[in-house]
N, C-alpha and C. Protein backbone atom coordinates (compact mmCIF):
# COMPACT_ATOMS: atom_id res chain seq x y z
N MET A 1 88.25 0.11 41.44
CA MET A 1 87.03 -0.08 40.43
C MET A 1 87.55 -0.82 39.00
N LYS A 2 86.39 -2.16 38.92
CA LYS A 2 86.36 -2.54 37.31
C LYS A 2 85.21 -2.82 37.48
N ILE A 3 84.58 -2.33 35.98
CA ILE A 3 83.67 -2.86 35.48
C ILE A 3 83.99 -3.94 34.48
N TYR A 4 83.37 -4.71 34.16
CA TYR A 4 83.26 -6.33 33.49
C TYR A 4 82.29 -6.10 32.21
N GLY A 5 82.61 -6.11 31.24
CA GLY A 5 80.92 -5.95 30.30
C GLY A 5 81.20 -6.09 28.87
N ILE A 6 80.52 -6.14 28.02
CA ILE A 6 80.81 -5.35 26.65
C ILE A 6 80.42 -4.16 26.64
N LYS A 7 80.99 -3.55 25.20
CA LYS A 7 80.97 -1.86 25.31
C LYS A 7 79.53 -1.77 24.34
N THR A 8 79.10 -2.85 24.22
CA THR A 8 78.07 -2.29 23.50
C THR A 8 76.88 -2.23 23.52
N CYS A 9 76.81 -3.29 25.55
CA CYS A 9 75.89 -3.19 26.09
C CYS A 9 75.54 -2.49 26.62
N ASP A 10 73.52 -1.98 26.13
CA ASP A 10 73.15 -0.85 27.03
C ASP A 10 73.23 -0.92 28.65
N THR A 11 72.91 -2.01 29.02
CA THR A 11 73.24 -2.18 30.67
C THR A 11 74.69 -1.35 31.06
N CYS A 12 75.63 -1.82 30.75
CA CYS A 12 77.13 -1.98 30.77
C CYS A 12 77.35 -0.10 30.45
N ARG A 13 76.62 0.16 29.54
CA ARG A 13 76.62 1.95 29.27
C ARG A 13 76.67 2.25 30.60
N LYS A 14 75.16 2.27 30.69
CA LYS A 14 74.80 2.77 32.29
C LYS A 14 75.26 2.82 33.48
N ALA A 15 76.11 1.66 33.60
CA ALA A 15 77.16 1.62 34.17
C ALA A 15 77.99 2.29 34.31
N ARG A 16 79.02 2.63 33.61
CA ARG A 16 79.98 3.11 32.93
C ARG A 16 79.69 4.81 32.74
N LYS A 17 78.89 5.02 32.55
CA LYS A 17 78.20 6.40 32.91
C LYS A 17 78.49 7.06 33.97
N ALA A 18 77.79 5.94 35.26
CA ALA A 18 77.46 6.43 36.27
C ALA A 18 78.54 6.71 37.44
N LEU A 19 79.84 5.61 36.44
CA LEU A 19 80.66 5.41 37.25
C LEU A 19 81.67 5.46 36.43
N PRO A 20 82.44 7.10 36.02
CA PRO A 20 82.88 6.79 35.08
C PRO A 20 84.85 6.76 35.68
N GLU A 21 85.02 6.93 37.12
CA GLU A 21 86.84 7.05 37.35
C GLU A 21 86.79 4.96 37.48
N ALA A 22 85.45 4.06 37.08
CA ALA A 22 85.90 3.12 36.82
C ALA A 22 86.48 2.44 35.55
N GLU A 23 87.58 1.89 35.71
CA GLU A 23 87.84 0.86 34.39
C GLU A 23 87.20 0.14 34.24
N PHE A 24 87.04 -0.46 32.97
CA PHE A 24 86.45 -0.92 31.79
C PHE A 24 87.33 -2.22 31.65
N VAL A 25 86.58 -3.35 31.34
CA VAL A 25 87.34 -4.73 30.95
C VAL A 25 86.30 -4.94 30.12
N ASP A 26 86.27 -4.87 28.70
CA ASP A 26 85.55 -5.40 27.91
C ASP A 26 86.12 -6.60 27.28
N VAL A 27 85.27 -8.15 28.12
CA VAL A 27 85.37 -9.07 28.02
C VAL A 27 85.01 -10.39 26.80
N ARG A 28 84.42 -9.30 25.97
CA ARG A 28 84.48 -9.70 24.58
C ARG A 28 85.53 -9.35 23.65
N GLU A 29 86.81 -8.23 24.02
CA GLU A 29 87.66 -7.47 22.78
C GLU A 29 89.09 -8.36 24.14
N ASP A 30 89.18 -8.01 25.18
CA ASP A 30 90.00 -8.29 26.31
C ASP A 30 90.56 -9.73 26.68
N GLY A 31 88.79 -10.38 26.16
CA GLY A 31 88.92 -11.66 27.32
C GLY A 31 88.97 -11.56 28.71
N LEU A 32 88.67 -12.68 29.57
CA LEU A 32 88.38 -13.04 31.14
C LEU A 32 90.18 -14.00 31.48
N PRO A 33 90.52 -13.81 32.48
CA PRO A 33 91.11 -14.85 32.39
C PRO A 33 90.44 -15.86 33.30
N ALA A 34 91.16 -17.53 33.44
CA ALA A 34 90.37 -17.86 33.51
C ALA A 34 90.24 -18.15 35.12
N GLU A 35 91.20 -17.41 36.56
CA GLU A 35 91.14 -17.23 37.35
C GLU A 35 90.04 -15.83 37.63
N THR A 36 90.32 -15.39 37.32
CA THR A 36 89.03 -14.78 37.09
C THR A 36 87.65 -14.70 36.95
N LEU A 37 87.33 -15.40 36.01
CA LEU A 37 86.37 -15.94 35.86
C LEU A 37 86.18 -16.86 36.74
N GLN A 38 86.74 -17.92 37.20
CA GLN A 38 86.85 -18.63 38.47
C GLN A 38 86.00 -18.45 39.87
N ASN A 39 87.04 -16.60 40.07
CA ASN A 39 86.30 -16.19 41.26
C ASN A 39 84.99 -15.62 41.17
N PHE A 40 84.73 -15.07 39.72
CA PHE A 40 83.29 -14.86 39.84
C PHE A 40 82.36 -16.05 39.68
N TRP A 41 82.64 -16.88 39.60
CA TRP A 41 81.72 -17.64 39.67
C TRP A 41 81.57 -18.55 41.15
N ASN A 42 82.67 -18.56 41.69
CA ASN A 42 83.27 -18.83 43.19
C ASN A 42 81.67 -17.89 43.80
N SER A 43 82.46 -16.84 43.53
CA SER A 43 81.56 -15.11 44.41
C SER A 43 80.09 -15.38 44.02
N LEU A 44 79.30 -15.10 42.38
CA LEU A 44 78.25 -15.39 42.12
C LEU A 44 76.91 -16.59 41.43
N GLY A 45 78.07 -17.65 41.33
CA GLY A 45 76.92 -18.69 41.04
C GLY A 45 76.66 -18.30 39.86
N GLU A 46 75.64 -19.59 40.02
CA GLU A 46 74.82 -19.74 38.71
C GLU A 46 74.50 -18.51 38.04
N PRO A 47 74.13 -17.08 38.85
CA PRO A 47 72.92 -16.25 38.11
C PRO A 47 74.50 -15.29 37.11
N LEU A 48 75.70 -15.52 37.05
CA LEU A 48 76.76 -15.76 36.12
C LEU A 48 76.22 -16.15 34.80
N LEU A 49 75.73 -17.20 34.83
CA LEU A 49 75.60 -17.47 33.28
C LEU A 49 73.84 -17.03 33.24
N ASN A 50 73.95 -16.47 31.83
CA ASN A 50 72.61 -15.40 31.28
C ASN A 50 72.28 -16.46 30.30
N LYS A 51 71.27 -17.07 30.66
CA LYS A 51 70.19 -18.00 30.28
C LYS A 51 68.76 -17.27 29.99
N ARG A 52 69.33 -15.87 29.53
CA ARG A 52 67.74 -15.07 28.58
C ARG A 52 68.69 -14.80 27.49
N SER A 53 70.01 -14.77 27.20
CA SER A 53 70.93 -13.71 26.23
C SER A 53 70.18 -14.82 25.13
N THR A 54 70.52 -14.07 23.78
CA THR A 54 70.26 -14.96 22.68
C THR A 54 71.10 -16.08 22.45
N THR A 55 72.45 -15.88 22.80
CA THR A 55 73.34 -16.54 22.75
C THR A 55 73.06 -18.05 23.34
N TRP A 56 73.04 -18.06 24.26
CA TRP A 56 72.26 -18.90 25.27
C TRP A 56 71.08 -20.00 24.34
N LYS A 57 70.17 -19.17 23.88
CA LYS A 57 69.05 -19.84 22.67
C LYS A 57 69.51 -20.35 21.81
N THR A 58 70.55 -20.10 21.19
CA THR A 58 71.30 -20.54 20.06
C THR A 58 72.03 -21.91 20.46
N LEU A 59 72.09 -21.80 21.35
CA LEU A 59 73.29 -23.49 21.86
C LEU A 59 71.89 -24.59 22.19
N SER A 60 72.20 -25.84 21.90
CA SER A 60 71.70 -27.15 21.46
C SER A 60 71.94 -27.78 23.23
N GLU A 61 71.59 -28.52 23.18
CA GLU A 61 70.84 -29.16 24.54
C GLU A 61 72.34 -29.95 25.08
N GLU A 62 73.37 -30.33 24.36
CA GLU A 62 74.27 -30.70 24.80
C GLU A 62 75.43 -29.86 24.98
N ALA A 63 75.34 -28.97 24.44
CA ALA A 63 76.10 -27.91 24.64
C ALA A 63 75.99 -26.96 26.11
N ARG A 64 74.60 -26.62 26.04
CA ARG A 64 74.10 -26.31 27.65
C ARG A 64 74.56 -26.59 28.75
N SER A 65 74.37 -28.14 28.67
CA SER A 65 74.63 -29.10 29.55
C SER A 65 75.94 -29.23 30.02
N GLY A 66 77.11 -28.22 29.20
CA GLY A 66 78.88 -28.46 29.35
C GLY A 66 78.89 -27.48 30.29
N ASP A 67 80.42 -27.12 30.78
CA ASP A 67 80.88 -26.30 32.00
C ASP A 67 80.77 -25.57 31.95
N PRO A 68 79.61 -24.71 32.36
CA PRO A 68 79.25 -23.30 32.26
C PRO A 68 80.68 -22.09 32.11
N LEU A 69 81.35 -22.32 33.19
CA LEU A 69 82.96 -21.59 32.53
C LEU A 69 83.53 -22.29 31.16
N ALA A 70 83.49 -22.96 31.05
CA ALA A 70 83.71 -23.20 29.50
C ALA A 70 82.89 -22.34 28.49
N LEU A 71 81.85 -22.56 28.67
CA LEU A 71 80.66 -21.60 28.37
C LEU A 71 81.05 -20.55 28.02
N ILE A 72 81.20 -19.33 29.45
CA ILE A 72 81.47 -18.21 29.13
C ILE A 72 82.58 -17.95 28.37
N SER A 73 83.48 -18.80 28.86
CA SER A 73 84.93 -18.42 28.36
C SER A 73 84.60 -18.54 26.30
N ALA A 74 84.08 -19.19 25.53
CA ALA A 74 83.95 -19.65 24.85
C ALA A 74 82.72 -18.08 23.64
N ASN A 75 82.28 -18.11 24.76
CA ASN A 75 81.36 -17.08 24.36
C ASN A 75 80.56 -16.03 25.30
N PRO A 76 81.77 -14.85 25.69
CA PRO A 76 81.57 -13.82 26.80
C PRO A 76 80.18 -13.39 27.08
N THR A 77 79.23 -13.08 25.52
CA THR A 77 77.71 -13.05 25.87
C THR A 77 77.26 -13.86 26.73
N LEU A 78 77.19 -14.81 26.79
CA LEU A 78 76.84 -15.32 27.62
C LEU A 78 77.05 -14.71 29.16
N MET A 79 77.74 -14.09 29.56
CA MET A 79 77.92 -13.30 31.01
C MET A 79 77.43 -12.54 31.56
N LYS A 80 76.22 -12.68 32.27
CA LYS A 80 75.14 -11.50 32.88
C LYS A 80 76.38 -10.00 33.29
N ARG A 81 76.03 -9.02 32.50
CA ARG A 81 76.71 -8.11 33.08
C ARG A 81 75.98 -6.94 33.02
N PRO A 82 76.56 -5.73 34.26
CA PRO A 82 77.93 -6.19 34.31
C PRO A 82 78.67 -6.77 35.06
N VAL A 83 79.68 -7.18 35.81
CA VAL A 83 80.35 -7.78 36.80
C VAL A 83 81.50 -6.27 37.29
N ILE A 84 80.63 -6.27 38.55
CA ILE A 84 81.54 -5.00 39.32
C ILE A 84 82.35 -4.75 40.09
N GLU A 85 83.52 -5.10 40.10
CA GLU A 85 84.05 -5.59 41.67
C GLU A 85 84.69 -4.14 42.39
N ALA A 86 84.44 -3.84 43.68
CA ALA A 86 84.77 -2.69 43.97
C ALA A 86 84.58 -2.89 45.66
N ASN A 87 86.06 -2.46 46.15
CA ASN A 87 86.36 -2.62 47.22
C ASN A 87 86.29 -4.00 47.79
N GLY A 88 86.94 -5.12 47.40
CA GLY A 88 86.31 -6.75 47.18
C GLY A 88 85.57 -7.37 47.23
N GLN A 89 84.19 -6.28 46.76
CA GLN A 89 82.86 -7.21 46.82
C GLN A 89 83.05 -6.85 44.82
N LEU A 90 82.36 -8.84 44.76
CA LEU A 90 81.51 -8.00 43.19
C LEU A 90 79.77 -7.88 43.61
N TYR A 91 79.58 -6.91 42.47
CA TYR A 91 78.28 -6.95 42.18
C TYR A 91 77.94 -7.44 40.69
N LEU A 92 76.98 -8.26 40.52
CA LEU A 92 76.30 -8.52 39.31
C LEU A 92 74.96 -7.82 39.08
N GLY A 93 75.31 -7.01 37.73
CA GLY A 93 74.34 -6.17 36.90
C GLY A 93 74.22 -4.89 37.13
N TRP A 94 73.35 -4.11 36.96
CA TRP A 94 73.54 -2.78 37.29
C TRP A 94 71.39 -2.23 37.41
N THR A 95 71.28 -3.36 38.65
CA THR A 95 69.36 -3.30 39.70
C THR A 95 69.73 -2.04 40.23
N ALA A 96 68.67 -1.45 40.87
CA ALA A 96 68.52 -0.51 42.06
C ALA A 96 69.47 -1.02 42.93
N ALA A 97 69.04 -1.87 43.66
CA ALA A 97 70.52 -2.02 44.28
C ALA A 97 71.79 -2.20 44.56
N VAL A 98 72.49 -2.40 43.08
CA VAL A 98 73.39 -2.35 42.91
C VAL A 98 73.54 -0.45 42.75
N GLN A 99 73.36 0.03 42.15
CA GLN A 99 73.39 1.35 42.34
C GLN A 99 73.09 1.75 43.44
N ALA A 100 72.35 1.50 44.31
CA ALA A 100 72.25 1.83 45.84
C ALA A 100 73.71 2.13 46.24
N LYS A 101 74.38 0.38 46.45
CA LYS A 101 75.62 0.34 46.88
C LYS A 101 76.87 1.21 46.63
N LEU A 102 76.65 0.97 44.57
CA LEU A 102 77.40 1.64 44.76
C LEU A 102 77.88 3.68 44.57
N LEU A 103 76.50 4.22 44.75
CA LEU A 103 76.30 4.95 44.40
C LEU A 103 75.91 5.60 45.27
N GLY A 104 75.47 4.72 46.56
CA GLY A 104 75.14 5.82 47.83
C GLY A 104 73.64 6.36 47.86
N THR A 105 72.96 5.80 46.65
CA THR A 105 71.40 6.29 46.61
C THR A 105 70.40 5.58 47.37
N GLY A 106 69.66 5.90 47.72
CA GLY A 106 68.52 5.20 48.08
C GLY A 106 67.52 4.08 47.35
N ALA A 107 67.45 2.81 47.35
CA ALA A 107 67.04 1.80 46.73
C ALA A 107 65.60 1.39 47.11
């Protein structure tokens, strides 16, 4: 199991605490291979781009209309997080539904 996120993100911290056995990849520090990011986009689509982030709000309209994968590569904080890879499945965020799937708790 892998958790992709940013170590200073509160939501990522909660996921890491609940899933201590998972490997953590800090996308800001370690980067994210283009192939991995493309796989995330193919599986998760538009919700991967966090349009509620402070970084998104500071971008110009021209920048916002650019390639979303290039935007996320250049600004890792634009990736909604965490992205959790478990048993060949990708999960986005740390919602009650994701927790139920990964922790076996009722949602």
